[in-house]
Amino acid sequence: MRARRALALAAGLGLAASLAVAAPRKAASATPVPPELFAGYSYTKAGEASLHGIGFSGSYPLGATLSLVLDLSGHDGSYAGADLGQLGLMAGARWTPSSGRFRPFAEGLLGGVRTSVSVDGADVRISDADTDWGLALGGGLDYGLNKRWALRAVVHLRLLHGDGTWDSDPRLAVGVVYRLRR
């Protein structure tokens, strides 16, 4: 039930962001989205653990509104005496319907997340790691500062499949975007 609510929230945010800037357009064609690089703070909730980290992504345009995306994120933290870490690598597509100062987008990514857990005992450290495959659905909003730089907020719901079960981990990221020349 929690996964359905989170998925509905992520889908709703992506749709709302897209509709928020939808307005009648001039007859001129839309400016294609340039290749972009993103870096920023990233937060995820993995089960009961709150993990903080960093996110990077790059995108390459496939058309006026569609881009290929590669997303890398790393998070760490602790919960109940255990040290936790996550490293995620996902790729997919991003749809950006407008090209003004506010640029909402929706994206779907596929890939994997490597999770590691370490616990210190009496003179011994026990560690385990596992890779779960899944997808991330969500979207965000860019606020253009000028032609090259923008601020970005991203919301993802990562649905991970491991050990025969599905886990839903929300992820939030904020940072800066650098748009490359075409």
N, C-alpha and C. Protein backbone atom coordinates (compact mmCIF):
# COMPACT_ATOMS: atom_id res chain seq x y z
N MET A 1 0.82 -1.19 0.00
CA MET A 1 0.00 0.00 0.00
C MET A 1 0.87 1.25 0.00
N ARG A 2 1.97 1.24 0.79
CA ARG A 2 2.87 2.39 0.85
C ARG A 2 3.50 2.65 -0.51
N ALA A 3 3.85 1.59 -1.23
CA ALA A 3 4.46 1.74 -2.56
C ALA A 3 3.48 2.38 -3.53
N ARG A 4 2.20 2.00 -3.46
CA ARG A 4 1.21 2.59 -4.36
C ARG A 4 1.04 4.07 -4.10
N ARG A 5 0.98 4.45 -2.82
CA ARG A 5 0.84 5.88 -2.49
C ARG A 5 2.05 6.67 -2.96
N ALA A 6 3.24 6.12 -2.75
CA ALA A 6 4.45 6.82 -3.16
C ALA A 6 4.52 6.93 -4.68
N LEU A 7 4.15 5.87 -5.40
CA LEU A 7 4.14 5.90 -6.86
C LEU A 7 3.13 6.92 -7.37
N ALA A 8 1.95 6.96 -6.76
CA ALA A 8 0.94 7.93 -7.15
C ALA A 8 1.43 9.36 -6.89
N LEU A 9 2.12 9.57 -5.77
CA LEU A 9 2.67 10.89 -5.47
C LEU A 9 3.71 11.30 -6.50
N ALA A 10 4.64 10.40 -6.84
CA ALA A 10 5.69 10.72 -7.82
C ALA A 10 5.08 11.02 -9.19
N ALA A 11 4.11 10.21 -9.61
CA ALA A 11 3.46 10.43 -10.89
C ALA A 11 2.69 11.75 -10.87
N GLY A 12 2.01 12.03 -9.78
CA GLY A 12 1.25 13.27 -9.66
C GLY A 12 2.14 14.51 -9.69
N LEU A 13 3.29 14.44 -9.01
CA LEU A 13 4.22 15.57 -9.03
C LEU A 13 4.77 15.82 -10.43
N GLY A 14 5.12 14.75 -11.13
CA GLY A 14 5.61 14.90 -12.51
C GLY A 14 4.56 15.51 -13.42
N LEU A 15 3.33 15.03 -13.32
CA LEU A 15 2.24 15.56 -14.13
C LEU A 15 1.93 17.00 -13.76
N ALA A 16 1.88 17.30 -12.47
CA ALA A 16 1.58 18.67 -12.03
C ALA A 16 2.65 19.65 -12.49
N ALA A 17 3.92 19.24 -12.41
CA ALA A 17 5.00 20.12 -12.87
C ALA A 17 4.88 20.37 -14.36
N SER A 18 4.52 19.35 -15.14
CA SER A 18 4.37 19.50 -16.58
C SER A 18 3.21 20.43 -16.92
N LEU A 19 2.10 20.28 -16.20
CA LEU A 19 0.92 21.10 -16.47
C LEU A 19 1.08 22.52 -15.96
N ALA A 20 1.91 22.72 -14.95
CA ALA A 20 2.05 24.04 -14.34
C ALA A 20 2.58 25.08 -15.31
N VAL A 21 3.44 24.67 -16.21
CA VAL A 21 3.99 25.64 -17.16
C VAL A 21 3.41 25.49 -18.55
N ALA A 22 2.46 24.58 -18.72
CA ALA A 22 1.83 24.40 -20.02
C ALA A 22 0.99 25.63 -20.32
N ALA A 23 1.25 26.25 -21.43
CA ALA A 23 0.51 27.43 -21.83
C ALA A 23 0.47 27.43 -23.35
N PRO A 24 -0.46 28.19 -23.93
CA PRO A 24 -0.47 28.27 -25.39
C PRO A 24 0.90 28.74 -25.89
N ARG A 25 1.39 28.07 -26.91
CA ARG A 25 2.72 28.38 -27.43
C ARG A 25 2.61 29.26 -28.67
N LYS A 26 3.69 29.99 -28.92
CA LYS A 26 3.78 30.77 -30.15
C LYS A 26 3.98 29.80 -31.30
N ALA A 27 3.83 30.28 -32.50
CA ALA A 27 3.95 29.43 -33.67
C ALA A 27 5.39 28.92 -33.86
N ALA A 28 6.37 29.60 -33.27
CA ALA A 28 7.76 29.19 -33.44
C ALA A 28 7.99 27.83 -32.80
N SER A 29 8.92 27.07 -33.36
CA SER A 29 9.21 25.73 -32.82
C SER A 29 9.95 25.85 -31.49
N ALA A 30 9.80 24.82 -30.66
CA ALA A 30 10.43 24.80 -29.34
C ALA A 30 11.94 24.68 -29.47
N THR A 31 12.66 25.34 -28.57
CA THR A 31 14.11 25.22 -28.55
C THR A 31 14.48 23.85 -28.03
N PRO A 32 15.31 23.11 -28.76
CA PRO A 32 15.69 21.78 -28.29
C PRO A 32 16.44 21.85 -26.96
N VAL A 33 16.26 20.84 -26.15
CA VAL A 33 16.97 20.75 -24.88
C VAL A 33 18.44 20.43 -25.17
N PRO A 34 19.38 21.19 -24.61
CA PRO A 34 20.79 20.90 -24.86
C PRO A 34 21.29 19.76 -23.97
N PRO A 35 22.47 19.20 -24.26
CA PRO A 35 23.06 18.25 -23.32
C PRO A 35 23.29 18.94 -21.98
N GLU A 36 23.08 18.20 -20.86
CA GLU A 36 23.17 18.80 -19.53
C GLU A 36 23.97 17.93 -18.58
N LEU A 37 24.57 18.59 -17.58
CA LEU A 37 25.23 17.91 -16.47
C LEU A 37 24.62 18.44 -15.18
N PHE A 38 24.32 17.54 -14.25
CA PHE A 38 23.71 17.91 -12.96
C PHE A 38 24.58 17.36 -11.83
N ALA A 39 24.71 18.14 -10.77
CA ALA A 39 25.36 17.69 -9.54
C ALA A 39 24.65 18.34 -8.37
N GLY A 40 24.45 17.55 -7.29
CA GLY A 40 23.78 18.14 -6.14
C GLY A 40 23.62 17.17 -4.98
N TYR A 41 23.00 17.69 -3.94
CA TYR A 41 22.71 16.93 -2.73
C TYR A 41 21.57 15.96 -3.03
N SER A 42 21.65 14.76 -2.46
CA SER A 42 20.63 13.75 -2.67
C SER A 42 20.27 13.09 -1.34
N TYR A 43 19.00 12.80 -1.16
CA TYR A 43 18.49 12.16 0.06
C TYR A 43 17.60 10.99 -0.35
N THR A 44 17.71 9.88 0.35
CA THR A 44 16.81 8.76 0.12
C THR A 44 16.40 8.14 1.44
N LYS A 45 15.26 7.54 1.46
CA LYS A 45 14.75 6.82 2.62
C LYS A 45 14.75 5.35 2.24
N ALA A 46 15.66 4.57 2.83
CA ALA A 46 15.79 3.14 2.55
C ALA A 46 15.24 2.38 3.75
N GLY A 47 14.03 1.89 3.64
CA GLY A 47 13.38 1.27 4.79
C GLY A 47 13.13 2.33 5.84
N GLU A 48 13.68 2.13 7.04
CA GLU A 48 13.56 3.11 8.12
C GLU A 48 14.75 4.05 8.18
N ALA A 49 15.77 3.80 7.37
CA ALA A 49 17.01 4.59 7.43
C ALA A 49 16.93 5.81 6.51
N SER A 50 17.40 6.94 7.01
CA SER A 50 17.53 8.16 6.21
C SER A 50 18.98 8.26 5.76
N LEU A 51 19.19 8.29 4.45
CA LEU A 51 20.54 8.31 3.90
C LEU A 51 20.75 9.60 3.12
N HIS A 52 21.90 10.21 3.33
CA HIS A 52 22.26 11.46 2.66
C HIS A 52 23.43 11.21 1.73
N GLY A 53 23.50 12.00 0.66
CA GLY A 53 24.61 11.78 -0.26
C GLY A 53 24.65 12.80 -1.37
N ILE A 54 25.10 12.34 -2.53
CA ILE A 54 25.31 13.20 -3.67
C ILE A 54 24.76 12.51 -4.92
N GLY A 55 24.29 13.32 -5.85
CA GLY A 55 23.77 12.79 -7.10
C GLY A 55 24.39 13.49 -8.29
N PHE A 56 24.64 12.73 -9.34
CA PHE A 56 25.16 13.25 -10.60
C PHE A 56 24.30 12.69 -11.72
N SER A 57 24.08 13.48 -12.75
CA SER A 57 23.42 12.94 -13.93
C SER A 57 23.88 13.72 -15.15
N GLY A 58 23.73 13.07 -16.27
CA GLY A 58 24.02 13.70 -17.55
C GLY A 58 22.92 13.32 -18.51
N SER A 59 22.62 14.21 -19.44
CA SER A 59 21.58 13.91 -20.42
C SER A 59 22.05 14.33 -21.80
N TYR A 60 21.56 13.60 -22.80
CA TYR A 60 21.88 13.90 -24.19
C TYR A 60 20.57 13.91 -24.97
N PRO A 61 20.29 14.99 -25.71
CA PRO A 61 19.00 15.10 -26.40
C PRO A 61 18.86 14.10 -27.54
N LEU A 62 17.65 13.54 -27.63
CA LEU A 62 17.30 12.65 -28.75
C LEU A 62 16.32 13.34 -29.69
N GLY A 63 15.81 14.49 -29.28
CA GLY A 63 14.86 15.27 -30.05
C GLY A 63 14.61 16.57 -29.32
N ALA A 64 13.56 17.29 -29.72
CA ALA A 64 13.26 18.59 -29.11
C ALA A 64 12.85 18.46 -27.65
N THR A 65 12.19 17.37 -27.26
CA THR A 65 11.70 17.25 -25.89
C THR A 65 12.17 15.98 -25.17
N LEU A 66 12.84 15.07 -25.85
CA LEU A 66 13.23 13.80 -25.28
C LEU A 66 14.75 13.70 -25.16
N SER A 67 15.22 13.23 -23.99
CA SER A 67 16.66 13.09 -23.76
C SER A 67 16.97 11.72 -23.16
N LEU A 68 18.15 11.23 -23.45
CA LEU A 68 18.68 10.04 -22.82
C LEU A 68 19.39 10.48 -21.54
N VAL A 69 19.17 9.77 -20.42
CA VAL A 69 19.69 10.20 -19.11
C VAL A 69 20.50 9.07 -18.48
N LEU A 70 21.62 9.44 -17.86
CA LEU A 70 22.40 8.53 -17.03
C LEU A 70 22.50 9.17 -15.65
N ASP A 71 22.10 8.42 -14.61
CA ASP A 71 22.00 8.96 -13.26
C ASP A 71 22.85 8.11 -12.31
N LEU A 72 23.72 8.76 -11.54
CA LEU A 72 24.56 8.10 -10.54
C LEU A 72 24.34 8.80 -9.21
N SER A 73 24.06 7.99 -8.16
CA SER A 73 23.86 8.58 -6.83
C SER A 73 24.52 7.70 -5.78
N GLY A 74 25.03 8.34 -4.76
CA GLY A 74 25.63 7.63 -3.64
C GLY A 74 25.11 8.20 -2.33
N HIS A 75 24.72 7.32 -1.41
CA HIS A 75 24.15 7.72 -0.13
C HIS A 75 24.78 6.90 0.98
N ASP A 76 24.87 7.48 2.17
CA ASP A 76 25.30 6.70 3.33
C ASP A 76 24.67 7.25 4.59
N GLY A 77 24.73 6.44 5.64
CA GLY A 77 24.15 6.81 6.92
C GLY A 77 24.23 5.63 7.85
N SER A 78 23.56 5.75 8.98
CA SER A 78 23.54 4.64 9.93
C SER A 78 22.14 4.50 10.49
N TYR A 79 21.84 3.26 10.90
CA TYR A 79 20.53 2.97 11.49
C TYR A 79 20.69 1.75 12.40
N ALA A 80 20.21 1.85 13.62
CA ALA A 80 20.22 0.75 14.59
C ALA A 80 21.62 0.15 14.76
N GLY A 81 22.65 0.99 14.78
CA GLY A 81 24.01 0.52 15.00
C GLY A 81 24.71 -0.02 13.77
N ALA A 82 24.06 0.03 12.62
CA ALA A 82 24.67 -0.46 11.38
C ALA A 82 25.01 0.72 10.47
N ASP A 83 26.14 0.62 9.79
CA ASP A 83 26.52 1.60 8.78
C ASP A 83 25.96 1.14 7.44
N LEU A 84 25.24 2.03 6.77
CA LEU A 84 24.59 1.70 5.51
C LEU A 84 25.14 2.54 4.38
N GLY A 85 25.19 1.98 3.19
CA GLY A 85 25.60 2.71 2.00
C GLY A 85 24.82 2.24 0.80
N GLN A 86 24.55 3.15 -0.12
CA GLN A 86 23.87 2.81 -1.37
C GLN A 86 24.57 3.52 -2.51
N LEU A 87 24.76 2.79 -3.60
CA LEU A 87 25.30 3.35 -4.84
C LEU A 87 24.37 2.95 -5.96
N GLY A 88 23.76 3.92 -6.60
CA GLY A 88 22.77 3.64 -7.64
C GLY A 88 23.26 4.12 -9.00
N LEU A 89 23.03 3.30 -10.01
CA LEU A 89 23.33 3.66 -11.40
C LEU A 89 22.13 3.28 -12.24
N MET A 90 21.50 4.28 -12.86
CA MET A 90 20.31 4.05 -13.66
C MET A 90 20.37 4.88 -14.94
N ALA A 91 19.70 4.38 -15.97
CA ALA A 91 19.65 5.08 -17.25
C ALA A 91 18.23 5.00 -17.78
N GLY A 92 17.85 5.99 -18.58
CA GLY A 92 16.51 5.99 -19.13
C GLY A 92 16.25 7.22 -19.97
N ALA A 93 14.99 7.66 -19.96
CA ALA A 93 14.57 8.78 -20.79
C ALA A 93 13.94 9.88 -19.94
N ARG A 94 14.12 11.12 -20.41
CA ARG A 94 13.52 12.29 -19.77
C ARG A 94 12.72 13.06 -20.82
N TRP A 95 11.53 13.44 -20.44
CA TRP A 95 10.67 14.25 -21.30
C TRP A 95 10.58 15.64 -20.71
N THR A 96 10.96 16.66 -21.49
CA THR A 96 10.93 18.05 -21.06
C THR A 96 10.02 18.82 -22.02
N PRO A 97 8.78 19.11 -21.63
CA PRO A 97 7.80 19.67 -22.57
C PRO A 97 7.95 21.16 -22.87
N SER A 98 8.75 21.92 -22.11
CA SER A 98 8.85 23.35 -22.38
C SER A 98 10.30 23.80 -22.31
N SER A 99 10.56 25.00 -22.82
CA SER A 99 11.94 25.48 -22.86
C SER A 99 12.09 26.89 -22.30
N GLY A 100 11.24 27.30 -21.38
CA GLY A 100 11.34 28.63 -20.78
C GLY A 100 12.23 28.62 -19.55
N ARG A 101 12.08 29.64 -18.73
CA ARG A 101 12.85 29.73 -17.49
C ARG A 101 12.52 28.56 -16.56
N PHE A 102 11.24 28.20 -16.48
CA PHE A 102 10.82 27.03 -15.71
C PHE A 102 10.69 25.85 -16.67
N ARG A 103 11.43 24.79 -16.41
CA ARG A 103 11.39 23.61 -17.27
C ARG A 103 11.03 22.37 -16.44
N PRO A 104 9.77 22.00 -16.42
CA PRO A 104 9.42 20.76 -15.72
C PRO A 104 9.84 19.57 -16.58
N PHE A 105 10.03 18.42 -15.95
CA PHE A 105 10.36 17.23 -16.70
C PHE A 105 9.84 16.00 -15.97
N ALA A 106 9.65 14.95 -16.72
CA ALA A 106 9.27 13.65 -16.18
C ALA A 106 10.28 12.65 -16.72
N GLU A 107 10.63 11.66 -15.91
CA GLU A 107 11.61 10.69 -16.38
C GLU A 107 11.34 9.30 -15.81
N GLY A 108 11.81 8.32 -16.55
CA GLY A 108 11.76 6.93 -16.14
C GLY A 108 13.14 6.32 -16.35
N LEU A 109 13.67 5.68 -15.31
CA LEU A 109 15.03 5.13 -15.37
C LEU A 109 15.02 3.66 -14.96
N LEU A 110 15.92 2.87 -15.54
CA LEU A 110 16.12 1.48 -15.19
C LEU A 110 17.58 1.28 -14.77
N GLY A 111 17.82 0.40 -13.83
CA GLY A 111 19.20 0.14 -13.43
C GLY A 111 19.27 -0.64 -12.14
N GLY A 112 20.29 -0.36 -11.37
CA GLY A 112 20.49 -1.11 -10.14
C GLY A 112 21.00 -0.23 -9.01
N VAL A 113 20.84 -0.75 -7.80
CA VAL A 113 21.31 -0.07 -6.59
C VAL A 113 22.09 -1.09 -5.77
N ARG A 114 23.33 -0.78 -5.46
CA ARG A 114 24.18 -1.63 -4.62
C ARG A 114 24.07 -1.13 -3.19
N THR A 115 23.59 -1.98 -2.29
CA THR A 115 23.41 -1.63 -0.89
C THR A 115 24.41 -2.42 -0.05
N SER A 116 25.09 -1.72 0.84
CA SER A 116 26.04 -2.39 1.74
C SER A 116 25.67 -2.07 3.19
N VAL A 117 25.90 -3.07 4.06
CA VAL A 117 25.61 -2.95 5.49
C VAL A 117 26.82 -3.46 6.24
N SER A 118 27.27 -2.70 7.26
CA SER A 118 28.39 -3.11 8.11
C SER A 118 28.02 -2.90 9.57
N VAL A 119 28.38 -3.88 10.40
CA VAL A 119 28.13 -3.80 11.83
C VAL A 119 29.42 -4.13 12.56
N ASP A 120 29.79 -3.30 13.54
CA ASP A 120 30.98 -3.55 14.36
C ASP A 120 30.58 -4.34 15.59
N GLY A 121 31.33 -5.42 15.84
CA GLY A 121 31.12 -6.23 17.04
C GLY A 121 32.37 -6.17 17.90
N ALA A 122 32.53 -7.12 18.78
CA ALA A 122 33.72 -7.19 19.64
C ALA A 122 34.92 -7.59 18.79
N ASP A 123 35.73 -6.62 18.40
CA ASP A 123 36.94 -6.82 17.60
C ASP A 123 36.69 -7.41 16.22
N VAL A 124 35.50 -7.34 15.71
CA VAL A 124 35.20 -7.87 14.39
C VAL A 124 34.19 -6.96 13.69
N ARG A 125 34.32 -6.84 12.37
CA ARG A 125 33.38 -6.06 11.56
C ARG A 125 32.71 -7.02 10.58
N ILE A 126 31.38 -7.04 10.61
CA ILE A 126 30.61 -7.91 9.72
C ILE A 126 30.00 -7.04 8.63
N SER A 127 30.22 -7.44 7.38
CA SER A 127 29.73 -6.66 6.24
C SER A 127 28.98 -7.55 5.27
N ASP A 128 28.01 -6.95 4.59
CA ASP A 128 27.26 -7.64 3.55
C ASP A 128 26.88 -6.61 2.50
N ALA A 129 26.78 -7.05 1.25
CA ALA A 129 26.37 -6.16 0.16
C ALA A 129 25.49 -6.93 -0.81
N ASP A 130 24.58 -6.21 -1.44
CA ASP A 130 23.64 -6.83 -2.36
C ASP A 130 23.28 -5.81 -3.43
N THR A 131 23.06 -6.28 -4.66
CA THR A 131 22.62 -5.42 -5.73
C THR A 131 21.18 -5.75 -6.09
N ASP A 132 20.33 -4.75 -6.07
CA ASP A 132 18.93 -4.91 -6.42
C ASP A 132 18.65 -4.16 -7.72
N TRP A 133 17.87 -4.78 -8.59
CA TRP A 133 17.51 -4.17 -9.86
C TRP A 133 16.15 -3.52 -9.73
N GLY A 134 15.95 -2.47 -10.50
CA GLY A 134 14.65 -1.82 -10.43
C GLY A 134 14.53 -0.64 -11.36
N LEU A 135 13.61 0.23 -11.02
CA LEU A 135 13.35 1.41 -11.82
C LEU A 135 13.07 2.60 -10.94
N ALA A 136 13.24 3.76 -11.51
CA ALA A 136 12.94 5.02 -10.82
C ALA A 136 11.98 5.82 -11.69
N LEU A 137 10.89 6.26 -11.10
CA LEU A 137 9.91 7.08 -11.80
C LEU A 137 9.80 8.40 -11.06
N GLY A 138 9.69 9.47 -11.81
CA GLY A 138 9.55 10.76 -11.14
C GLY A 138 9.71 11.90 -12.11
N GLY A 139 10.13 13.00 -11.55
CA GLY A 139 10.30 14.20 -12.36
C GLY A 139 10.88 15.31 -11.53
N GLY A 140 10.83 16.48 -12.09
CA GLY A 140 11.39 17.61 -11.38
C GLY A 140 11.14 18.91 -12.11
N LEU A 141 11.87 19.92 -11.67
CA LEU A 141 11.72 21.26 -12.22
C LEU A 141 13.07 21.95 -12.23
N ASP A 142 13.41 22.53 -13.39
CA ASP A 142 14.60 23.36 -13.52
C ASP A 142 14.17 24.82 -13.50
N TYR A 143 14.94 25.65 -12.82
CA TYR A 143 14.74 27.09 -12.84
C TYR A 143 15.99 27.70 -13.47
N GLY A 144 15.85 28.23 -14.66
CA GLY A 144 16.99 28.77 -15.40
C GLY A 144 17.51 30.06 -14.80
N LEU A 145 18.80 30.07 -14.51
CA LEU A 145 19.45 31.29 -14.03
C LEU A 145 19.95 32.12 -15.21
N ASN A 146 20.45 31.45 -16.23
CA ASN A 146 20.85 32.06 -17.49
C ASN A 146 20.86 30.96 -18.54
N LYS A 147 21.48 31.18 -19.70
CA LYS A 147 21.45 30.17 -20.76
C LYS A 147 22.23 28.91 -20.41
N ARG A 148 23.20 29.00 -19.53
CA ARG A 148 24.06 27.87 -19.19
C ARG A 148 23.71 27.21 -17.85
N TRP A 149 23.26 27.97 -16.86
CA TRP A 149 23.09 27.46 -15.50
C TRP A 149 21.63 27.45 -15.08
N ALA A 150 21.27 26.44 -14.28
CA ALA A 150 19.92 26.33 -13.74
C ALA A 150 19.98 25.64 -12.38
N LEU A 151 18.95 25.88 -11.59
CA LEU A 151 18.76 25.15 -10.34
C LEU A 151 17.76 24.02 -10.62
N ARG A 152 17.96 22.85 -10.00
CA ARG A 152 17.09 21.71 -10.26
C ARG A 152 16.63 21.07 -8.95
N ALA A 153 15.37 20.66 -8.93
CA ALA A 153 14.80 19.84 -7.86
C ALA A 153 14.24 18.58 -8.51
N VAL A 154 14.55 17.42 -7.94
CA VAL A 154 14.15 16.13 -8.51
C VAL A 154 13.46 15.30 -7.43
N VAL A 155 12.39 14.59 -7.81
CA VAL A 155 11.70 13.64 -6.94
C VAL A 155 11.61 12.32 -7.69
N HIS A 156 12.13 11.26 -7.10
CA HIS A 156 12.04 9.91 -7.69
C HIS A 156 11.42 8.96 -6.69
N LEU A 157 10.75 7.97 -7.21
CA LEU A 157 10.38 6.81 -6.42
C LEU A 157 11.13 5.64 -7.05
N ARG A 158 12.08 5.10 -6.29
CA ARG A 158 12.85 3.95 -6.78
C ARG A 158 12.16 2.68 -6.32
N LEU A 159 11.79 1.85 -7.25
CA LEU A 159 11.17 0.56 -6.97
C LEU A 159 12.24 -0.50 -7.23
N LEU A 160 12.72 -1.12 -6.16
CA LEU A 160 13.84 -2.06 -6.25
C LEU A 160 13.36 -3.48 -5.98
N HIS A 161 13.87 -4.44 -6.75
CA HIS A 161 13.48 -5.83 -6.60
C HIS A 161 14.69 -6.65 -6.17
N GLY A 162 14.61 -7.23 -4.99
CA GLY A 162 15.67 -8.08 -4.47
C GLY A 162 15.14 -9.06 -3.47
N ASP A 163 15.74 -10.23 -3.42
CA ASP A 163 15.32 -11.29 -2.49
C ASP A 163 13.83 -11.63 -2.64
N GLY A 164 13.31 -11.54 -3.86
CA GLY A 164 11.93 -11.92 -4.12
C GLY A 164 10.88 -10.91 -3.71
N THR A 165 11.28 -9.73 -3.25
CA THR A 165 10.31 -8.72 -2.84
C THR A 165 10.62 -7.38 -3.51
N TRP A 166 9.65 -6.50 -3.51
CA TRP A 166 9.81 -5.15 -4.03
C TRP A 166 9.91 -4.18 -2.86
N ASP A 167 10.81 -3.22 -2.99
CA ASP A 167 10.97 -2.18 -1.98
C ASP A 167 10.83 -0.83 -2.69
N SER A 168 10.17 0.12 -2.05
CA SER A 168 10.02 1.46 -2.64
C SER A 168 10.79 2.45 -1.79
N ASP A 169 11.74 3.12 -2.41
CA ASP A 169 12.58 4.11 -1.74
C ASP A 169 12.40 5.47 -2.40
N PRO A 170 11.81 6.45 -1.71
CA PRO A 170 11.74 7.80 -2.29
C PRO A 170 13.12 8.44 -2.29
N ARG A 171 13.38 9.26 -3.29
CA ARG A 171 14.66 9.96 -3.40
C ARG A 171 14.38 11.40 -3.82
N LEU A 172 15.03 12.34 -3.14
CA LEU A 172 14.94 13.76 -3.45
C LEU A 172 16.33 14.27 -3.74
N ALA A 173 16.46 15.17 -4.70
CA ALA A 173 17.76 15.77 -5.00
C ALA A 173 17.57 17.23 -5.38
N VAL A 174 18.51 18.06 -4.97
CA VAL A 174 18.54 19.47 -5.36
C VAL A 174 19.98 19.82 -5.73
N GLY A 175 20.12 20.65 -6.74
CA GLY A 175 21.48 21.02 -7.14
C GLY A 175 21.48 21.96 -8.33
N VAL A 176 22.60 21.95 -9.05
CA VAL A 176 22.79 22.84 -10.18
C VAL A 176 22.93 22.05 -11.48
N VAL A 177 22.51 22.68 -12.56
CA VAL A 177 22.59 22.10 -13.90
C VAL A 177 23.47 23.02 -14.74
N TYR A 178 24.36 22.39 -15.51
CA TYR A 178 25.14 23.13 -16.50
C TYR A 178 24.74 22.62 -17.87
N ARG A 179 24.29 23.53 -18.72
CA ARG A 179 23.87 23.17 -20.08
C ARG A 179 25.05 23.38 -21.03
N LEU A 180 25.38 22.33 -21.75
CA LEU A 180 26.49 22.37 -22.70
C LEU A 180 26.07 23.01 -24.00
N ARG A 181 27.04 23.48 -24.76
CA ARG A 181 26.74 24.06 -26.06
C ARG A 181 26.46 22.96 -27.06
N ARG A 182 25.63 23.28 -28.01
CA ARG A 182 25.33 22.31 -29.09
C ARG A 182 26.08 22.68 -30.32
